[in-house]
Amino acid sequence: MLETVILVVFAMIGVSLLLNLWRLLVGPSVPDRILALDTMYINSIALIVLYGMSLGTSLYFEAALLIAMLGFVSTVAICKYLLRGDIIE
């Protein structure tokens, strides 16, 4: 039963990533594209955690945590650049 649920969630996250890619490529404005990129890395974190659950190892949880930290810092840097035009003051 759990294997079936994991496969269904893999498919749902895959569809979500495709829709985020569509918004990233076609987004009407730059903030929409930044939001799509932010949502894409959150979905990729969910995909990595789900893969770790399906294999039964905790190594992938550490990789997901690393991606989450890098994604947060990159989103803050991009938003700061768009607001002020400079990252480091």
N, C-alpha and C. Protein backbone atom coordinates (compact mmCIF):
# COMPACT_ATOMS: atom_id res chain seq x y z
N MET A 1 0.82 -1.20 0.00
CA MET A 1 0.00 0.00 0.00
C MET A 1 0.86 1.25 0.00
N LEU A 2 1.91 1.25 0.83
CA LEU A 2 2.78 2.41 0.90
C LEU A 2 3.52 2.65 -0.42
N GLU A 3 3.88 1.58 -1.11
CA GLU A 3 4.57 1.72 -2.39
C GLU A 3 3.66 2.39 -3.42
N THR A 4 2.38 2.06 -3.39
CA THR A 4 1.43 2.67 -4.32
C THR A 4 1.27 4.16 -4.03
N VAL A 5 1.19 4.51 -2.77
CA VAL A 5 1.06 5.91 -2.40
C VAL A 5 2.31 6.69 -2.81
N ILE A 6 3.48 6.09 -2.63
CA ILE A 6 4.72 6.77 -3.01
C ILE A 6 4.77 6.99 -4.51
N LEU A 7 4.33 6.02 -5.30
CA LEU A 7 4.30 6.21 -6.76
C LEU A 7 3.33 7.31 -7.17
N VAL A 8 2.17 7.37 -6.52
CA VAL A 8 1.19 8.42 -6.84
C VAL A 8 1.76 9.79 -6.49
N VAL A 9 2.43 9.90 -5.34
CA VAL A 9 3.00 11.19 -4.94
C VAL A 9 4.15 11.57 -5.84
N PHE A 10 4.96 10.59 -6.30
CA PHE A 10 6.00 10.89 -7.29
C PHE A 10 5.39 11.51 -8.54
N ALA A 11 4.28 10.95 -9.01
CA ALA A 11 3.62 11.48 -10.21
C ALA A 11 3.08 12.88 -9.96
N MET A 12 2.49 13.11 -8.79
CA MET A 12 1.95 14.44 -8.48
C MET A 12 3.04 15.50 -8.39
N ILE A 13 4.15 15.16 -7.77
CA ILE A 13 5.26 16.12 -7.69
C ILE A 13 5.87 16.35 -9.06
N GLY A 14 5.91 15.31 -9.90
CA GLY A 14 6.40 15.48 -11.26
C GLY A 14 5.53 16.44 -12.07
N VAL A 15 4.22 16.31 -11.93
CA VAL A 15 3.31 17.23 -12.62
C VAL A 15 3.49 18.64 -12.08
N SER A 16 3.66 18.76 -10.78
CA SER A 16 3.87 20.07 -10.17
C SER A 16 5.16 20.71 -10.70
N LEU A 17 6.21 19.92 -10.84
CA LEU A 17 7.46 20.46 -11.38
C LEU A 17 7.30 20.91 -12.84
N LEU A 18 6.54 20.16 -13.61
CA LEU A 18 6.29 20.57 -15.00
C LEU A 18 5.49 21.88 -15.06
N LEU A 19 4.50 22.02 -14.20
CA LEU A 19 3.73 23.26 -14.17
C LEU A 19 4.58 24.45 -13.70
N ASN A 20 5.48 24.19 -12.76
CA ASN A 20 6.39 25.25 -12.33
C ASN A 20 7.35 25.64 -13.44
N LEU A 21 7.80 24.66 -14.21
CA LEU A 21 8.67 24.96 -15.34
C LEU A 21 7.93 25.80 -16.38
N TRP A 22 6.67 25.49 -16.58
CA TRP A 22 5.86 26.28 -17.52
C TRP A 22 5.75 27.74 -17.04
N ARG A 23 5.51 27.94 -15.75
CA ARG A 23 5.40 29.29 -15.21
C ARG A 23 6.75 30.00 -15.26
N LEU A 24 7.82 29.26 -15.09
CA LEU A 24 9.15 29.84 -15.15
C LEU A 24 9.48 30.33 -16.56
N LEU A 25 9.06 29.59 -17.56
CA LEU A 25 9.36 29.97 -18.95
C LEU A 25 8.40 31.01 -19.49
N VAL A 26 7.12 30.97 -19.10
CA VAL A 26 6.10 31.81 -19.70
C VAL A 26 5.66 32.94 -18.78
N GLY A 27 6.14 32.96 -17.54
CA GLY A 27 5.67 33.93 -16.56
C GLY A 27 5.60 35.34 -17.09
N PRO A 28 4.52 36.06 -16.81
CA PRO A 28 4.36 37.40 -17.37
C PRO A 28 5.31 38.43 -16.78
N SER A 29 5.81 38.19 -15.57
CA SER A 29 6.70 39.18 -14.97
C SER A 29 7.84 38.47 -14.24
N VAL A 30 8.84 39.25 -13.86
CA VAL A 30 10.00 38.69 -13.18
C VAL A 30 9.64 38.14 -11.80
N PRO A 31 8.80 38.82 -10.99
CA PRO A 31 8.43 38.21 -9.70
C PRO A 31 7.71 36.86 -9.84
N ASP A 32 6.91 36.71 -10.91
CA ASP A 32 6.26 35.41 -11.14
C ASP A 32 7.30 34.33 -11.42
N ARG A 33 8.32 34.68 -12.16
CA ARG A 33 9.37 33.71 -12.46
C ARG A 33 10.19 33.36 -11.23
N ILE A 34 10.44 34.34 -10.38
CA ILE A 34 11.17 34.07 -9.14
C ILE A 34 10.34 33.17 -8.23
N LEU A 35 9.05 33.42 -8.15
CA LEU A 35 8.17 32.58 -7.35
C LEU A 35 8.11 31.16 -7.90
N ALA A 36 8.10 31.02 -9.22
CA ALA A 36 8.11 29.68 -9.83
C ALA A 36 9.41 28.95 -9.53
N LEU A 37 10.52 29.66 -9.56
CA LEU A 37 11.81 29.04 -9.24
C LEU A 37 11.86 28.63 -7.78
N ASP A 38 11.33 29.46 -6.90
CA ASP A 38 11.28 29.14 -5.48
C ASP A 38 10.42 27.91 -5.23
N THR A 39 9.29 27.85 -5.89
CA THR A 39 8.41 26.70 -5.74
C THR A 39 9.03 25.45 -6.35
N MET A 40 9.82 25.62 -7.39
CA MET A 40 10.49 24.48 -8.01
C MET A 40 11.49 23.83 -7.08
N TYR A 41 12.25 24.65 -6.38
CA TYR A 41 13.22 24.01 -5.49
C TYR A 41 12.54 23.41 -4.27
N ILE A 42 11.41 23.96 -3.85
CA ILE A 42 10.66 23.34 -2.75
C ILE A 42 10.10 21.98 -3.20
N ASN A 43 9.60 21.92 -4.43
CA ASN A 43 9.10 20.64 -4.95
C ASN A 43 10.23 19.63 -5.14
N SER A 44 11.40 20.11 -5.52
CA SER A 44 12.52 19.18 -5.66
C SER A 44 12.97 18.65 -4.30
N ILE A 45 12.86 19.48 -3.26
CA ILE A 45 13.15 19.01 -1.90
C ILE A 45 12.15 17.92 -1.51
N ALA A 46 10.88 18.13 -1.82
CA ALA A 46 9.87 17.11 -1.52
C ALA A 46 10.15 15.82 -2.29
N LEU A 47 10.60 15.95 -3.52
CA LEU A 47 10.93 14.78 -4.33
C LEU A 47 12.10 14.01 -3.74
N ILE A 48 13.11 14.72 -3.27
CA ILE A 48 14.28 14.07 -2.67
C ILE A 48 13.90 13.38 -1.36
N VAL A 49 13.09 14.03 -0.54
CA VAL A 49 12.65 13.42 0.72
C VAL A 49 11.81 12.18 0.44
N LEU A 50 10.95 12.25 -0.55
CA LEU A 50 10.13 11.10 -0.90
C LEU A 50 10.99 9.94 -1.41
N TYR A 51 12.01 10.26 -2.18
CA TYR A 51 12.93 9.22 -2.67
C TYR A 51 13.68 8.58 -1.50
N GLY A 52 14.08 9.40 -0.53
CA GLY A 52 14.73 8.86 0.67
C GLY A 52 13.79 7.96 1.45
N MET A 53 12.51 8.33 1.50
CA MET A 53 11.53 7.47 2.19
C MET A 53 11.35 6.15 1.46
N SER A 54 11.35 6.19 0.14
CA SER A 54 11.14 4.95 -0.62
C SER A 54 12.35 4.02 -0.50
N LEU A 55 13.55 4.57 -0.36
CA LEU A 55 14.74 3.73 -0.19
C LEU A 55 15.00 3.36 1.26
N GLY A 56 14.44 4.12 2.19
CA GLY A 56 14.62 3.83 3.60
C GLY A 56 15.97 4.28 4.15
N THR A 57 16.55 5.33 3.59
CA THR A 57 17.82 5.84 4.06
C THR A 57 17.69 7.30 4.46
N SER A 58 18.54 7.74 5.37
CA SER A 58 18.46 9.13 5.83
C SER A 58 19.44 10.04 5.12
N LEU A 59 20.21 9.53 4.19
CA LEU A 59 21.18 10.34 3.47
C LEU A 59 20.50 11.42 2.64
N TYR A 60 19.38 11.11 2.07
CA TYR A 60 18.69 12.05 1.21
C TYR A 60 18.04 13.19 2.00
N PHE A 61 17.74 12.96 3.27
CA PHE A 61 17.19 14.03 4.09
C PHE A 61 18.23 15.13 4.33
N GLU A 62 19.49 14.73 4.48
CA GLU A 62 20.56 15.71 4.65
C GLU A 62 20.76 16.50 3.36
N ALA A 63 20.67 15.84 2.22
CA ALA A 63 20.78 16.54 0.94
C ALA A 63 19.63 17.51 0.75
N ALA A 64 18.44 17.14 1.16
CA ALA A 64 17.28 18.03 1.06
C ALA A 64 17.45 19.25 1.96
N LEU A 65 18.03 19.05 3.13
CA LEU A 65 18.27 20.17 4.03
C LEU A 65 19.29 21.14 3.43
N LEU A 66 20.31 20.62 2.80
CA LEU A 66 21.32 21.46 2.15
C LEU A 66 20.71 22.25 1.00
N ILE A 67 19.88 21.61 0.20
CA ILE A 67 19.21 22.30 -0.91
C ILE A 67 18.26 23.37 -0.38
N ALA A 68 17.60 23.10 0.73
CA ALA A 68 16.68 24.09 1.32
C ALA A 68 17.44 25.33 1.76
N MET A 69 18.59 25.14 2.39
CA MET A 69 19.38 26.31 2.83
C MET A 69 19.89 27.11 1.64
N LEU A 70 20.40 26.43 0.64
CA LEU A 70 20.90 27.14 -0.55
C LEU A 70 19.77 27.83 -1.30
N GLY A 71 18.62 27.20 -1.38
CA GLY A 71 17.48 27.80 -2.06
C GLY A 71 16.99 29.05 -1.36
N PHE A 72 16.97 29.03 -0.03
CA PHE A 72 16.53 30.20 0.72
C PHE A 72 17.50 31.37 0.50
N VAL A 73 18.78 31.10 0.59
CA VAL A 73 19.77 32.17 0.41
C VAL A 73 19.71 32.72 -1.01
N SER A 74 19.56 31.86 -2.00
CA SER A 74 19.50 32.35 -3.38
C SER A 74 18.24 33.16 -3.64
N THR A 75 17.11 32.77 -3.07
CA THR A 75 15.88 33.54 -3.23
C THR A 75 16.00 34.91 -2.59
N VAL A 76 16.57 34.97 -1.41
CA VAL A 76 16.77 36.26 -0.74
C VAL A 76 17.71 37.14 -1.55
N ALA A 77 18.77 36.56 -2.11
CA ALA A 77 19.73 37.34 -2.90
C ALA A 77 19.08 37.88 -4.18
N ILE A 78 18.29 37.07 -4.84
CA ILE A 78 17.63 37.54 -6.07
C ILE A 78 16.62 38.63 -5.76
N CYS A 79 15.85 38.46 -4.71
CA CYS A 79 14.85 39.49 -4.34
C CYS A 79 15.53 40.79 -3.93
N LYS A 80 16.62 40.69 -3.20
CA LYS A 80 17.35 41.89 -2.80
C LYS A 80 17.95 42.59 -4.01
N TYR A 81 18.42 41.83 -4.98
CA TYR A 81 18.96 42.43 -6.19
C TYR A 81 17.86 43.14 -6.98
N LEU A 82 16.69 42.55 -7.04
CA LEU A 82 15.60 43.19 -7.78
C LEU A 82 15.09 44.44 -7.09
N LEU A 83 15.09 44.44 -5.76
CA LEU A 83 14.60 45.62 -5.04
C LEU A 83 15.59 46.77 -5.04
N ARG A 84 16.86 46.47 -4.84
CA ARG A 84 17.86 47.54 -4.65
C ARG A 84 18.86 47.66 -5.79
N GLY A 85 19.02 46.62 -6.58
CA GLY A 85 19.98 46.66 -7.67
C GLY A 85 21.39 46.26 -7.23
N ASP A 86 21.55 45.93 -5.94
CA ASP A 86 22.85 45.53 -5.42
C ASP A 86 22.63 44.50 -4.32
N ILE A 87 23.46 43.47 -4.32
CA ILE A 87 23.30 42.43 -3.31
C ILE A 87 24.02 42.77 -2.04
N ILE A 88 25.26 43.22 -2.17
CA ILE A 88 26.07 43.57 -1.00
C ILE A 88 26.11 45.08 -0.88
N GLU A 89 25.76 45.59 0.28
CA GLU A 89 25.71 47.04 0.48
C GLU A 89 27.06 47.57 0.88
